[in-house]
PDB file of N, CA and C in Angstrom:
ATOM      1  N   UNK A   1      14.901   1.631 -28.191  1.00  0.00           N
ATOM      2  CA  UNK A   1      15.332   2.026 -26.869  1.00  0.00           C
ATOM      3  C   UNK A   1      16.848   2.061 -26.845  1.00  0.00           C
ATOM      4  N   UNK A   2      17.381   3.185 -26.455  1.00  0.00           N
ATOM      5  CA  UNK A   2      18.824   3.345 -26.420  1.00  0.00           C
ATOM      6  C   UNK A   2      19.299   3.289 -24.977  1.00  0.00           C
ATOM      7  N   UNK A   3      20.303   2.462 -24.730  1.00  0.00           N
ATOM      8  CA  UNK A   3      20.837   2.310 -23.389  1.00  0.00           C
ATOM      9  C   UNK A   3      22.225   2.920 -23.341  1.00  0.00           C
ATOM     10  N   UNK A   4      22.453   3.775 -22.369  1.00  0.00           N
ATOM     11  CA  UNK A   4      23.773   4.377 -22.175  1.00  0.00           C
ATOM     12  C   UNK A   4      24.582   3.480 -21.254  1.00  0.00           C
ATOM     13  N   UNK A   5      25.887   3.452 -21.485  1.00  0.00           N
ATOM     14  CA  UNK A   5      26.778   2.628 -20.678  1.00  0.00           C
ATOM     15  C   UNK A   5      27.824   3.507 -20.010  1.00  0.00           C
ATOM     16  N   UNK A   6      28.252   3.072 -18.842  1.00  0.00           N
ATOM     17  CA  UNK A   6      29.284   3.768 -18.088  1.00  0.00           C
ATOM     18  C   UNK A   6      30.449   2.809 -17.926  1.00  0.00           C
ATOM     19  N   UNK A   7      31.660   3.305 -18.214  1.00  0.00           N
ATOM     20  CA  UNK A   7      32.833   2.445 -18.073  1.00  0.00           C
ATOM     21  C   UNK A   7      33.266   2.465 -16.614  1.00  0.00           C
ATOM     22  N   UNK A   8      33.351   1.286 -16.038  1.00  0.00           N
ATOM     23  CA  UNK A   8      33.755   1.136 -14.649  1.00  0.00           C
ATOM     24  C   UNK A   8      34.922   0.138 -14.636  1.00  0.00           C
ATOM     25  N   UNK A   9      36.133   0.665 -14.573  1.00  0.00           N
ATOM     26  CA  UNK A   9      37.311  -0.196 -14.682  1.00  0.00           C
ATOM     27  C   UNK A   9      37.423  -0.695 -16.115  1.00  0.00           C
ATOM     28  N   UNK A  10      37.424  -1.999 -16.315  1.00  0.00           N
ATOM     29  CA  UNK A  10      37.499  -2.599 -17.642  1.00  0.00           C
ATOM     30  C   UNK A  10      36.138  -2.988 -18.190  1.00  0.00           C
ATOM     31  N   UNK A  11      35.076  -2.680 -17.452  1.00  0.00           N
ATOM     32  CA  UNK A  11      33.738  -3.136 -17.837  1.00  0.00           C
ATOM     33  C   UNK A  11      32.828  -1.956 -18.162  1.00  0.00           C
ATOM     34  N   UNK A  12      31.909  -2.209 -19.083  1.00  0.00           N
ATOM     35  CA  UNK A  12      30.849  -1.252 -19.369  1.00  0.00           C
ATOM     36  C   UNK A  12      29.569  -1.736 -18.681  1.00  0.00           C
ATOM     37  N   UNK A  13      29.007  -0.870 -17.849  1.00  0.00           N
ATOM     38  CA  UNK A  13      27.814  -1.212 -17.087  1.00  0.00           C
ATOM     39  C   UNK A  13      26.671  -0.336 -17.584  1.00  0.00           C
ATOM     40  N   UNK A  14      25.482  -0.924 -17.805  1.00  0.00           N
ATOM     41  CA  UNK A  14      24.353  -0.099 -18.256  1.00  0.00           C
ATOM     42  C   UNK A  14      24.017   0.979 -17.226  1.00  0.00           C
ATOM     43  N   UNK A  15      23.798   2.176 -17.712  1.00  0.00           N
ATOM     44  CA  UNK A  15      23.443   3.308 -16.849  1.00  0.00           C
ATOM     45  C   UNK A  15      21.919   3.360 -16.751  1.00  0.00           C
ATOM     46  N   UNK A  16      21.375   2.545 -15.849  1.00  0.00           N
ATOM     47  CA  UNK A  16      19.926   2.443 -15.690  1.00  0.00           C
ATOM     48  C   UNK A  16      19.461   3.370 -14.578  1.00  0.00           C
ATOM     49  N   UNK A  17      18.378   4.059 -14.834  1.00  0.00           N
ATOM     50  CA  UNK A  17      17.788   4.922 -13.810  1.00  0.00           C
ATOM     51  C   UNK A  17      16.311   4.590 -13.695  1.00  0.00           C
ATOM     52  N   UNK A  18      15.801   4.706 -12.485  1.00  0.00           N
ATOM     53  CA  UNK A  18      14.388   4.466 -12.257  1.00  0.00           C
ATOM     54  C   UNK A  18      13.607   5.741 -12.518  1.00  0.00           C
ATOM     55  N   UNK A  19      12.382   5.598 -13.020  1.00  0.00           N
ATOM     56  CA  UNK A  19      11.567   6.798 -13.230  1.00  0.00           C
ATOM     57  C   UNK A  19      11.212   7.446 -11.890  1.00  0.00           C
ATOM     58  N   UNK A  20      11.098   8.755 -11.919  1.00  0.00           N
ATOM     59  CA  UNK A  20      10.748   9.488 -10.706  1.00  0.00           C
ATOM     60  C   UNK A  20       9.274   9.294 -10.380  1.00  0.00           C
ATOM     61  N   UNK A  21       8.986   9.007  -9.131  1.00  0.00           N
ATOM     62  CA  UNK A  21       7.607   8.857  -8.669  1.00  0.00           C
ATOM     63  C   UNK A  21       7.466   9.687  -7.406  1.00  0.00           C
ATOM     64  N   UNK A  22       6.728  10.790  -7.478  1.00  0.00           N
ATOM     65  CA  UNK A  22       6.625  11.670  -6.311  1.00  0.00           C
ATOM     66  C   UNK A  22       5.715  11.136  -5.202  1.00  0.00           C
ATOM     67  N   UNK A  23       4.845  10.198  -5.539  1.00  0.00           N
ATOM     68  CA  UNK A  23       3.911   9.682  -4.533  1.00  0.00           C
ATOM     69  C   UNK A  23       4.605   8.677  -3.625  1.00  0.00           C
ATOM     70  N   UNK A  24       4.238   8.649  -2.349  1.00  0.00           N
ATOM     71  CA  UNK A  24       4.864   7.678  -1.440  1.00  0.00           C
ATOM     72  C   UNK A  24       4.310   6.277  -1.652  1.00  0.00           C
ATOM     73  N   UNK A  25       5.128   5.292  -1.307  1.00  0.00           N
ATOM     74  CA  UNK A  25       4.708   3.902  -1.407  1.00  0.00           C
ATOM     75  C   UNK A  25       3.713   3.568  -0.296  1.00  0.00           C
ATOM     76  N   UNK A  26       3.929   4.081   0.891  1.00  0.00           N
ATOM     77  CA  UNK A  26       2.996   3.915   1.993  1.00  0.00           C
ATOM     78  C   UNK A  26       3.019   2.542   2.633  1.00  0.00           C
ATOM     79  N   UNK A  27       2.234   2.434   3.686  1.00  0.00           N
ATOM     80  CA  UNK A  27       2.151   1.196   4.474  1.00  0.00           C
ATOM     81  C   UNK A  27       1.671   0.031   3.627  1.00  0.00           C
ATOM     82  N   UNK A  28       0.604   0.243   2.877  1.00  0.00           N
ATOM     83  CA  UNK A  28      -0.001  -0.850   2.108  1.00  0.00           C
ATOM     84  C   UNK A  28       0.893  -1.258   0.950  1.00  0.00           C
ATOM     85  N   UNK A  29       1.572  -0.299   0.339  1.00  0.00           N
ATOM     86  CA  UNK A  29       2.509  -0.618  -0.736  1.00  0.00           C
ATOM     87  C   UNK A  29       3.683  -1.445  -0.233  1.00  0.00           C
ATOM     88  N   UNK A  30       4.201  -1.085   0.934  1.00  0.00           N
ATOM     89  CA  UNK A  30       5.320  -1.856   1.506  1.00  0.00           C
ATOM     90  C   UNK A  30       4.889  -3.278   1.853  1.00  0.00           C
ATOM     91  N   UNK A  31       3.679  -3.415   2.389  1.00  0.00           N
ATOM     92  CA  UNK A  31       3.188  -4.759   2.723  1.00  0.00           C
ATOM     93  C   UNK A  31       3.042  -5.608   1.462  1.00  0.00           C
ATOM     94  N   UNK A  32       2.507  -5.014   0.398  1.00  0.00           N
ATOM     95  CA  UNK A  32       2.322  -5.761  -0.848  1.00  0.00           C
ATOM     96  C   UNK A  32       3.673  -6.078  -1.491  1.00  0.00           C
ATOM     97  N   UNK A  33       4.637  -5.166  -1.380  1.00  0.00           N
ATOM     98  CA  UNK A  33       5.967  -5.430  -1.925  1.00  0.00           C
ATOM     99  C   UNK A  33       6.587  -6.655  -1.248  1.00  0.00           C
ATOM    100  N   UNK A  34       6.485  -6.735   0.078  1.00  0.00           N
ATOM    101  CA  UNK A  34       7.028  -7.886   0.797  1.00  0.00           C
ATOM    102  C   UNK A  34       6.301  -9.173   0.406  1.00  0.00           C
ATOM    103  N   UNK A  35       4.991  -9.060   0.198  1.00  0.00           N
ATOM    104  CA  UNK A  35       4.215 -10.217  -0.242  1.00  0.00           C
ATOM    105  C   UNK A  35       4.680 -10.674  -1.629  1.00  0.00           C
ATOM    106  N   UNK A  36       4.878  -9.730  -2.543  1.00  0.00           N
ATOM    107  CA  UNK A  36       5.353 -10.081  -3.884  1.00  0.00           C
ATOM    108  C   UNK A  36       6.735 -10.732  -3.835  1.00  0.00           C
ATOM    109  N   UNK A  37       7.629 -10.172  -3.037  1.00  0.00           N
ATOM    110  CA  UNK A  37       8.971 -10.752  -2.904  1.00  0.00           C
ATOM    111  C   UNK A  37       8.906 -12.206  -2.452  1.00  0.00           C
ATOM    112  N   UNK A  38       8.052 -12.466  -1.467  1.00  0.00           N
ATOM    113  CA  UNK A  38       8.009 -13.795  -0.862  1.00  0.00           C
ATOM    114  C   UNK A  38       7.264 -14.818  -1.708  1.00  0.00           C
ATOM    115  N   UNK A  39       6.164 -14.412  -2.358  1.00  0.00           N
ATOM    116  CA  UNK A  39       5.311 -15.403  -3.014  1.00  0.00           C
ATOM    117  C   UNK A  39       5.289 -15.326  -4.537  1.00  0.00           C
ATOM    118  N   UNK A  40       5.612 -14.179  -5.091  1.00  0.00           N
ATOM    119  CA  UNK A  40       5.608 -14.019  -6.554  1.00  0.00           C
ATOM    120  C   UNK A  40       6.900 -13.339  -7.015  1.00  0.00           C
ATOM    121  N   UNK A  41       8.034 -13.998  -6.854  1.00  0.00           N
ATOM    122  CA  UNK A  41       9.307 -13.339  -7.174  1.00  0.00           C
ATOM    123  C   UNK A  41       9.457 -12.962  -8.647  1.00  0.00           C
ATOM    124  N   UNK A  42       8.838 -13.706  -9.539  1.00  0.00           N
ATOM    125  CA  UNK A  42       8.965 -13.393 -10.965  1.00  0.00           C
ATOM    126  C   UNK A  42       8.215 -12.104 -11.290  1.00  0.00           C
ATOM    127  N   UNK A  43       7.008 -11.964 -10.776  1.00  0.00           N
ATOM    128  CA  UNK A  43       6.245 -10.730 -10.981  1.00  0.00           C
ATOM    129  C   UNK A  43       6.982  -9.550 -10.371  1.00  0.00           C
ATOM    130  N   UNK A  44       7.525  -9.749  -9.177  1.00  0.00           N
ATOM    131  CA  UNK A  44       8.279  -8.696  -8.503  1.00  0.00           C
ATOM    132  C   UNK A  44       9.481  -8.261  -9.348  1.00  0.00           C
ATOM    133  N   UNK A  45      10.229  -9.224  -9.863  1.00  0.00           N
ATOM    134  CA  UNK A  45      11.400  -8.914 -10.685  1.00  0.00           C
ATOM    135  C   UNK A  45      10.999  -8.219 -11.979  1.00  0.00           C
ATOM    136  N   UNK A  46       9.918  -8.674 -12.604  1.00  0.00           N
ATOM    137  CA  UNK A  46       9.459  -8.029 -13.832  1.00  0.00           C
ATOM    138  C   UNK A  46       9.066  -6.578 -13.597  1.00  0.00           C
ATOM    139  N   UNK A  47       8.392  -6.307 -12.487  1.00  0.00           N
ATOM    140  CA  UNK A  47       8.018  -4.929 -12.168  1.00  0.00           C
ATOM    141  C   UNK A  47       9.249  -4.065 -11.924  1.00  0.00           C
ATOM    142  N   UNK A  48      10.250  -4.623 -11.259  1.00  0.00           N
ATOM    143  CA  UNK A  48      11.484  -3.861 -11.022  1.00  0.00           C
ATOM    144  C   UNK A  48      12.186  -3.561 -12.338  1.00  0.00           C
ATOM    145  N   UNK A  49      12.327  -4.580 -13.162  1.00  0.00           N
ATOM    146  CA  UNK A  49      13.060  -4.402 -14.415  1.00  0.00           C
ATOM    147  C   UNK A  49      12.350  -3.481 -15.402  1.00  0.00           C
ATOM    148  N   UNK A  50      11.030  -3.453 -15.342  1.00  0.00           N
ATOM    149  CA  UNK A  50      10.298  -2.553 -16.237  1.00  0.00           C
ATOM    150  C   UNK A  50      10.229  -1.136 -15.676  1.00  0.00           C
ATOM    151  N   UNK A  51      10.627  -0.944 -14.409  1.00  0.00           N
ATOM    152  CA  UNK A  51      10.604   0.372 -13.798  1.00  0.00           C
ATOM    153  C   UNK A  51       9.224   0.793 -13.329  1.00  0.00           C
ATOM    154  N   UNK A  52       8.319  -0.158 -13.187  1.00  0.00           N
ATOM    155  CA  UNK A  52       6.938   0.164 -12.820  1.00  0.00           C
ATOM    156  C   UNK A  52       6.589  -0.213 -11.383  1.00  0.00           C
ATOM    157  N   UNK A  53       7.542  -0.745 -10.621  1.00  0.00           N
ATOM    158  CA  UNK A  53       7.230  -1.219  -9.278  1.00  0.00           C
ATOM    159  C   UNK A  53       6.735  -0.097  -8.372  1.00  0.00           C
ATOM    160  N   UNK A  54       7.470   1.021  -8.335  1.00  0.00           N
ATOM    161  CA  UNK A  54       7.114   2.102  -7.425  1.00  0.00           C
ATOM    162  C   UNK A  54       5.741   2.679  -7.775  1.00  0.00           C
ATOM    163  N   UNK A  55       5.479   2.876  -9.056  1.00  0.00           N
ATOM    164  CA  UNK A  55       4.189   3.407  -9.492  1.00  0.00           C
ATOM    165  C   UNK A  55       3.066   2.429  -9.141  1.00  0.00           C
ATOM    166  N   UNK A  56       3.304   1.153  -9.377  1.00  0.00           N
ATOM    167  CA  UNK A  56       2.319   0.121  -9.050  1.00  0.00           C
ATOM    168  C   UNK A  56       1.990   0.127  -7.564  1.00  0.00           C
ATOM    169  N   UNK A  57       3.027   0.196  -6.737  1.00  0.00           N
ATOM    170  CA  UNK A  57       2.812   0.175  -5.288  1.00  0.00           C
ATOM    171  C   UNK A  57       2.174   1.465  -4.783  1.00  0.00           C
ATOM    172  N   UNK A  58       2.515   2.600  -5.380  1.00  0.00           N
ATOM    173  CA  UNK A  58       1.893   3.869  -4.991  1.00  0.00           C
ATOM    174  C   UNK A  58       0.406   3.856  -5.355  1.00  0.00           C
ATOM    175  N   UNK A  59       0.073   3.328  -6.527  1.00  0.00           N
ATOM    176  CA  UNK A  59      -1.343   3.204  -6.925  1.00  0.00           C
ATOM    177  C   UNK A  59      -2.093   2.286  -5.969  1.00  0.00           C
ATOM    178  N   UNK A  60      -1.481   1.154  -5.633  1.00  0.00           N
ATOM    179  CA  UNK A  60      -2.112   0.207  -4.720  1.00  0.00           C
ATOM    180  C   UNK A  60      -2.322   0.843  -3.344  1.00  0.00           C
ATOM    181  N   UNK A  61      -1.348   1.610  -2.883  1.00  0.00           N
ATOM    182  CA  UNK A  61      -1.465   2.270  -1.590  1.00  0.00           C
ATOM    183  C   UNK A  61      -2.638   3.257  -1.585  1.00  0.00           C
ATOM    184  N   UNK A  62      -2.792   4.023  -2.660  1.00  0.00           N
ATOM    185  CA  UNK A  62      -3.905   4.982  -2.744  1.00  0.00           C
ATOM    186  C   UNK A  62      -5.252   4.253  -2.764  1.00  0.00           C
ATOM    187  N   UNK A  63      -5.334   3.186  -3.533  1.00  0.00           N
ATOM    188  CA  UNK A  63      -6.574   2.405  -3.581  1.00  0.00           C
ATOM    189  C   UNK A  63      -6.899   1.806  -2.215  1.00  0.00           C
ATOM    190  N   UNK A  64      -5.884   1.286  -1.553  1.00  0.00           N
ATOM    191  CA  UNK A  64      -6.097   0.658  -0.249  1.00  0.00           C
ATOM    192  C   UNK A  64      -6.548   1.691   0.782  1.00  0.00           C
ATOM    193  N   UNK A  65      -5.955   2.880   0.748  1.00  0.00           N
ATOM    194  CA  UNK A  65      -6.338   3.902   1.716  1.00  0.00           C
ATOM    195  C   UNK A  65      -7.771   4.376   1.484  1.00  0.00           C
ATOM    196  N   UNK A  66      -8.154   4.545   0.220  1.00  0.00           N
ATOM    197  CA  UNK A  66      -9.537   4.925  -0.081  1.00  0.00           C
ATOM    198  C   UNK A  66     -10.514   3.838   0.364  1.00  0.00           C
ATOM    199  N   UNK A  67     -10.160   2.594   0.109  1.00  0.00           N
ATOM    200  CA  UNK A  67     -11.017   1.469   0.511  1.00  0.00           C
ATOM    201  C   UNK A  67     -11.132   1.394   2.031  1.00  0.00           C
ATOM    202  N   UNK A  68     -10.020   1.626   2.736  1.00  0.00           N
ATOM    203  CA  UNK A  68     -10.037   1.601   4.194  1.00  0.00           C
ATOM    204  C   UNK A  68     -10.954   2.692   4.743  1.00  0.00           C
ATOM    205  N   UNK A  69     -10.836   3.897   4.209  1.00  0.00           N
ATOM    206  CA  UNK A  69     -11.695   4.995   4.655  1.00  0.00           C
ATOM    207  C   UNK A  69     -13.165   4.680   4.417  1.00  0.00           C
ATOM    208  N   UNK A  70     -13.461   4.087   3.264  1.00  0.00           N
ATOM    209  CA  UNK A  70     -14.838   3.721   2.944  1.00  0.00           C
ATOM    210  C   UNK A  70     -15.363   2.653   3.901  1.00  0.00           C
ATOM    211  N   UNK A  71     -14.558   1.629   4.142  1.00  0.00           N
ATOM    212  CA  UNK A  71     -14.968   0.562   5.057  1.00  0.00           C
ATOM    213  C   UNK A  71     -15.219   1.094   6.465  1.00  0.00           C
ATOM    214  N   UNK A  72     -14.325   1.932   6.952  1.00  0.00           N
ATOM    215  CA  UNK A  72     -14.474   2.472   8.306  1.00  0.00           C
ATOM    216  C   UNK A  72     -15.747   3.304   8.410  1.00  0.00           C
ATOM    217  N   UNK A  73     -15.999   4.157   7.426  1.00  0.00           N
ATOM    218  CA  UNK A  73     -17.204   4.997   7.493  1.00  0.00           C
ATOM    219  C   UNK A  73     -18.478   4.153   7.390  1.00  0.00           C
ATOM    220  N   UNK A  74     -18.459   3.104   6.562  1.00  0.00           N
ATOM    221  CA  UNK A  74     -19.625   2.233   6.457  1.00  0.00           C
ATOM    222  C   UNK A  74     -19.863   1.451   7.750  1.00  0.00           C
ATOM    223  N   UNK A  75     -18.795   0.966   8.357  1.00  0.00           N
ATOM    224  CA  UNK A  75     -18.931   0.221   9.610  1.00  0.00           C
ATOM    225  C   UNK A  75     -19.389   1.144  10.748  1.00  0.00           C
ATOM    226  N   UNK A  76     -18.890   2.374  10.764  1.00  0.00           N
ATOM    227  CA  UNK A  76     -19.339   3.332  11.783  1.00  0.00           C
ATOM    228  C   UNK A  76     -20.837   3.575  11.660  1.00  0.00           C
ATOM    229  N   UNK A  77     -21.308   3.752  10.439  1.00  0.00           N
ATOM    230  CA  UNK A  77     -22.736   3.997  10.226  1.00  0.00           C
ATOM    231  C   UNK A  77     -23.557   2.769  10.609  1.00  0.00           C
ATOM    232  N   UNK A  78     -23.062   1.585  10.259  1.00  0.00           N
ATOM    233  CA  UNK A  78     -23.808   0.359  10.553  1.00  0.00           C
ATOM    234  C   UNK A  78     -23.896   0.087  12.058  1.00  0.00           C
ATOM    235  N   UNK A  79     -22.862   0.452  12.797  1.00  0.00           N
ATOM    236  CA  UNK A  79     -22.839   0.185  14.233  1.00  0.00           C
ATOM    237  C   UNK A  79     -23.317   1.365  15.066  1.00  0.00           C
ATOM    238  N   UNK A  80     -23.668   2.465  14.410  1.00  0.00           N
ATOM    239  CA  UNK A  80     -24.240   3.606  15.116  1.00  0.00           C
ATOM    240  C   UNK A  80     -23.250   4.382  15.971  1.00  0.00           C
ATOM    241  N   UNK A  81     -22.015   4.460  15.527  1.00  0.00           N
ATOM    242  CA  UNK A  81     -21.010   5.217  16.266  1.00  0.00           C
ATOM    243  C   UNK A  81     -21.053   6.665  15.774  1.00  0.00           C
ATOM    244  N   UNK A  82     -21.354   7.583  16.693  1.00  0.00           N
ATOM    245  CA  UNK A  82     -21.534   8.991  16.330  1.00  0.00           C
ATOM    246  C   UNK A  82     -20.658   9.879  17.209  1.00  0.00           C
ATOM    247  N   UNK A  83     -20.685  11.164  16.887  1.00  0.00           N
ATOM    248  CA  UNK A  83     -19.968  12.142  17.698  1.00  0.00           C
ATOM    249  C   UNK A  83     -20.615  12.287  19.073  1.00  0.00           C
ATOM    250  N   UNK A  84     -21.905  12.000  19.161  1.00  0.00           N
ATOM    251  CA  UNK A  84     -22.588  12.052  20.462  1.00  0.00           C
ATOM    252  C   UNK A  84     -21.999  11.000  21.400  1.00  0.00           C
ATOM    253  N   UNK A  85     -21.717   9.815  20.877  1.00  0.00           N
ATOM    254  CA  UNK A  85     -21.080   8.773  21.684  1.00  0.00           C
ATOM    255  C   UNK A  85     -19.688   9.214  22.109  1.00  0.00           C
ATOM    256  N   UNK A  86     -18.994   9.863  21.211  1.00  0.00           N
ATOM    257  CA  UNK A  86     -17.646  10.346  21.512  1.00  0.00           C
ATOM    258  C   UNK A  86     -17.683  11.365  22.659  1.00  0.00           C
ATOM    259  N   UNK A  87     -18.681  12.233  22.659  1.00  0.00           N
ATOM    260  CA  UNK A  87     -18.799  13.233  23.719  1.00  0.00           C
ATOM    261  C   UNK A  87     -19.272  12.602  25.035  1.00  0.00           C
ATOM    262  N   UNK A  88     -20.143  11.628  24.937  1.00  0.00           N
ATOM    263  CA  UNK A  88     -20.731  11.009  26.129  1.00  0.00           C
ATOM    264  C   UNK A  88     -19.774  10.025  26.797  1.00  0.00           C
ATOM    265  N   UNK A  89     -19.150   9.146  25.996  1.00  0.00           N
ATOM    266  CA  UNK A  89     -18.275   8.105  26.553  1.00  0.00           C
ATOM    267  C   UNK A  89     -17.056   7.925  25.641  1.00  0.00           C
ATOM    268  N   UNK A  90     -16.024   8.766  25.815  1.00  0.00           N
ATOM    269  CA  UNK A  90     -14.869   8.714  24.906  1.00  0.00           C
ATOM    270  C   UNK A  90     -14.142   7.375  24.884  1.00  0.00           C
ATOM    271  N   UNK A  91     -14.038   6.706  26.032  1.00  0.00           N
ATOM    272  CA  UNK A  91     -13.314   5.430  26.064  1.00  0.00           C
ATOM    273  C   UNK A  91     -14.043   4.345  25.277  1.00  0.00           C
ATOM    274  N   UNK A  92     -15.350   4.312  25.360  1.00  0.00           N
ATOM    275  CA  UNK A  92     -16.109   3.339  24.581  1.00  0.00           C
ATOM    276  C   UNK A  92     -15.990   3.667  23.094  1.00  0.00           C
ATOM    277  N   UNK A  93     -16.011   4.949  22.762  1.00  0.00           N
ATOM    278  CA  UNK A  93     -15.865   5.361  21.373  1.00  0.00           C
ATOM    279  C   UNK A  93     -14.514   4.898  20.819  1.00  0.00           C
ATOM    280  N   UNK A  94     -13.444   5.081  21.594  1.00  0.00           N
ATOM    281  CA  UNK A  94     -12.105   4.656  21.164  1.00  0.00           C
ATOM    282  C   UNK A  94     -12.053   3.144  20.992  1.00  0.00           C
ATOM    283  N   UNK A  95     -12.625   2.412  21.936  1.00  0.00           N
ATOM    284  CA  UNK A  95     -12.636   0.945  21.832  1.00  0.00           C
ATOM    285  C   UNK A  95     -13.348   0.494  20.564  1.00  0.00           C
ATOM    286  N   UNK A  96     -14.496   1.055  20.314  1.00  0.00           N
ATOM    287  CA  UNK A  96     -15.281   0.642  19.145  1.00  0.00           C
ATOM    288  C   UNK A  96     -14.607   1.066  17.840  1.00  0.00           C
ATOM    289  N   UNK A  97     -14.004   2.258  17.836  1.00  0.00           N
ATOM    290  CA  UNK A  97     -13.306   2.700  16.624  1.00  0.00           C
ATOM    291  C   UNK A  97     -12.073   1.841  16.357  1.00  0.00           C
ATOM    292  N   UNK A  98     -11.334   1.475  17.404  1.00  0.00           N
ATOM    293  CA  UNK A  98     -10.185   0.588  17.224  1.00  0.00           C
ATOM    294  C   UNK A  98     -10.622  -0.774  16.690  1.00  0.00           C
ATOM    295  N   UNK A  99     -11.732  -1.271  17.186  1.00  0.00           N
ATOM    296  CA  UNK A  99     -12.262  -2.540  16.709  1.00  0.00           C
ATOM    297  C   UNK A  99     -12.634  -2.447  15.233  1.00  0.00           C
ATOM    298  N   UNK A 100     -13.298  -1.374  14.871  1.00  0.00           N
ATOM    299  CA  UNK A 100     -13.692  -1.174  13.471  1.00  0.00           C
ATOM    300  C   UNK A 100     -12.463  -1.069  12.587  1.00  0.00           C
ATOM    301  N   UNK A 101     -11.475  -0.281  13.020  1.00  0.00           N
ATOM    302  CA  UNK A 101     -10.266  -0.092  12.216  1.00  0.00           C
ATOM    303  C   UNK A 101      -9.531  -1.425  12.025  1.00  0.00           C
ATOM    304  N   UNK A 102      -9.437  -2.215  13.087  1.00  0.00           N
ATOM    305  CA  UNK A 102      -8.765  -3.510  12.982  1.00  0.00           C
ATOM    306  C   UNK A 102      -9.491  -4.436  12.004  1.00  0.00           C
ATOM    307  N   UNK A 103     -10.809  -4.479  12.102  1.00  0.00           N
ATOM    308  CA  UNK A 103     -11.574  -5.336  11.186  1.00  0.00           C
ATOM    309  C   UNK A 103     -11.456  -4.849   9.744  1.00  0.00           C
ATOM    310  N   UNK A 104     -11.489  -3.545   9.544  1.00  0.00           N
ATOM    311  CA  UNK A 104     -11.372  -2.994   8.190  1.00  0.00           C
ATOM    312  C   UNK A 104      -9.991  -3.291   7.603  1.00  0.00           C
ATOM    313  N   UNK A 105      -8.949  -3.183   8.425  1.00  0.00           N
ATOM    314  CA  UNK A 105      -7.602  -3.489   7.939  1.00  0.00           C
ATOM    315  C   UNK A 105      -7.459  -4.972   7.591  1.00  0.00           C
ATOM    316  N   UNK A 106      -8.088  -5.829   8.367  1.00  0.00           N
ATOM    317  CA  UNK A 106      -8.059  -7.266   8.065  1.00  0.00           C
ATOM    318  C   UNK A 106      -8.743  -7.552   6.732  1.00  0.00           C
ATOM    319  N   UNK A 107      -9.880  -6.925   6.512  1.00  0.00           N
ATOM    320  CA  UNK A 107     -10.590  -7.088   5.233  1.00  0.00           C
ATOM    321  C   UNK A 107      -9.713  -6.594   4.093  1.00  0.00           C
ATOM    322  N   UNK A 108      -9.068  -5.459   4.284  1.00  0.00           N
ATOM    323  CA  UNK A 108      -8.211  -4.878   3.251  1.00  0.00           C
ATOM    324  C   UNK A 108      -7.028  -5.782   2.934  1.00  0.00           C
ATOM    325  N   UNK A 109      -6.421  -6.345   3.965  1.00  0.00           N
ATOM    326  CA  UNK A 109      -5.293  -7.255   3.721  1.00  0.00           C
ATOM    327  C   UNK A 109      -5.730  -8.455   2.892  1.00  0.00           C
ATOM    328  N   UNK A 110      -6.920  -8.983   3.178  1.00  0.00           N
ATOM    329  CA  UNK A 110      -7.409 -10.148   2.433  1.00  0.00           C
ATOM    330  C   UNK A 110      -7.841  -9.792   1.018  1.00  0.00           C
ATOM    331  N   UNK A 111      -8.381  -8.595   0.809  1.00  0.00           N
ATOM    332  CA  UNK A 111      -8.906  -8.212  -0.501  1.00  0.00           C
ATOM    333  C   UNK A 111      -7.842  -7.654  -1.452  1.00  0.00           C
ATOM    334  N   UNK A 112      -6.941  -6.829  -0.936  1.00  0.00           N
ATOM    335  CA  UNK A 112      -6.003  -6.130  -1.825  1.00  0.00           C
ATOM    336  C   UNK A 112      -4.533  -6.500  -1.656  1.00  0.00           C
ATOM    337  N   UNK A 113      -4.105  -6.721  -0.454  1.00  0.00           N
ATOM    338  CA  UNK A 113      -2.668  -6.852  -0.210  1.00  0.00           C
ATOM    339  C   UNK A 113      -2.153  -8.256  -0.474  1.00  0.00           C
ATOM    340  N   UNK A 114      -2.793  -9.255   0.084  1.00  0.00           N
ATOM    341  CA  UNK A 114      -2.302 -10.615  -0.042  1.00  0.00           C
ATOM    342  C   UNK A 114      -3.061 -11.403  -1.105  1.00  0.00           C
ATOM    343  N   UNK A 115      -3.115 -10.865  -2.289  1.00  0.00           N
ATOM    344  CA  UNK A 115      -3.721 -11.549  -3.436  1.00  0.00           C
ATOM    345  C   UNK A 115      -2.804 -11.462  -4.620  1.00  0.00           C
TER     346      UNK A 115
END
């Protein structure tokens, strides 16, 4: 591995660049990053220094979003929330969907984010 250096005044500083990652970190990635900073600083630092932090968090965000969608659809089916309910009583549909989303996000935080 060859490292390039840049002269800055009297000092040579390594010219380090992070790899490009086109995927967004997202809500779940940011939450996990803050968790890593607070509780696992060594792992967090190792990921930064290896240049894999952004990719790791983008992957985690995609997994979390897929898991959230799956949980919400399973809970909707289990509780019998349909489009007919949405047409008949929109406010009850919104209440029940918000409840499902909150519970699914809580499960996701316990399973993927804060571990």
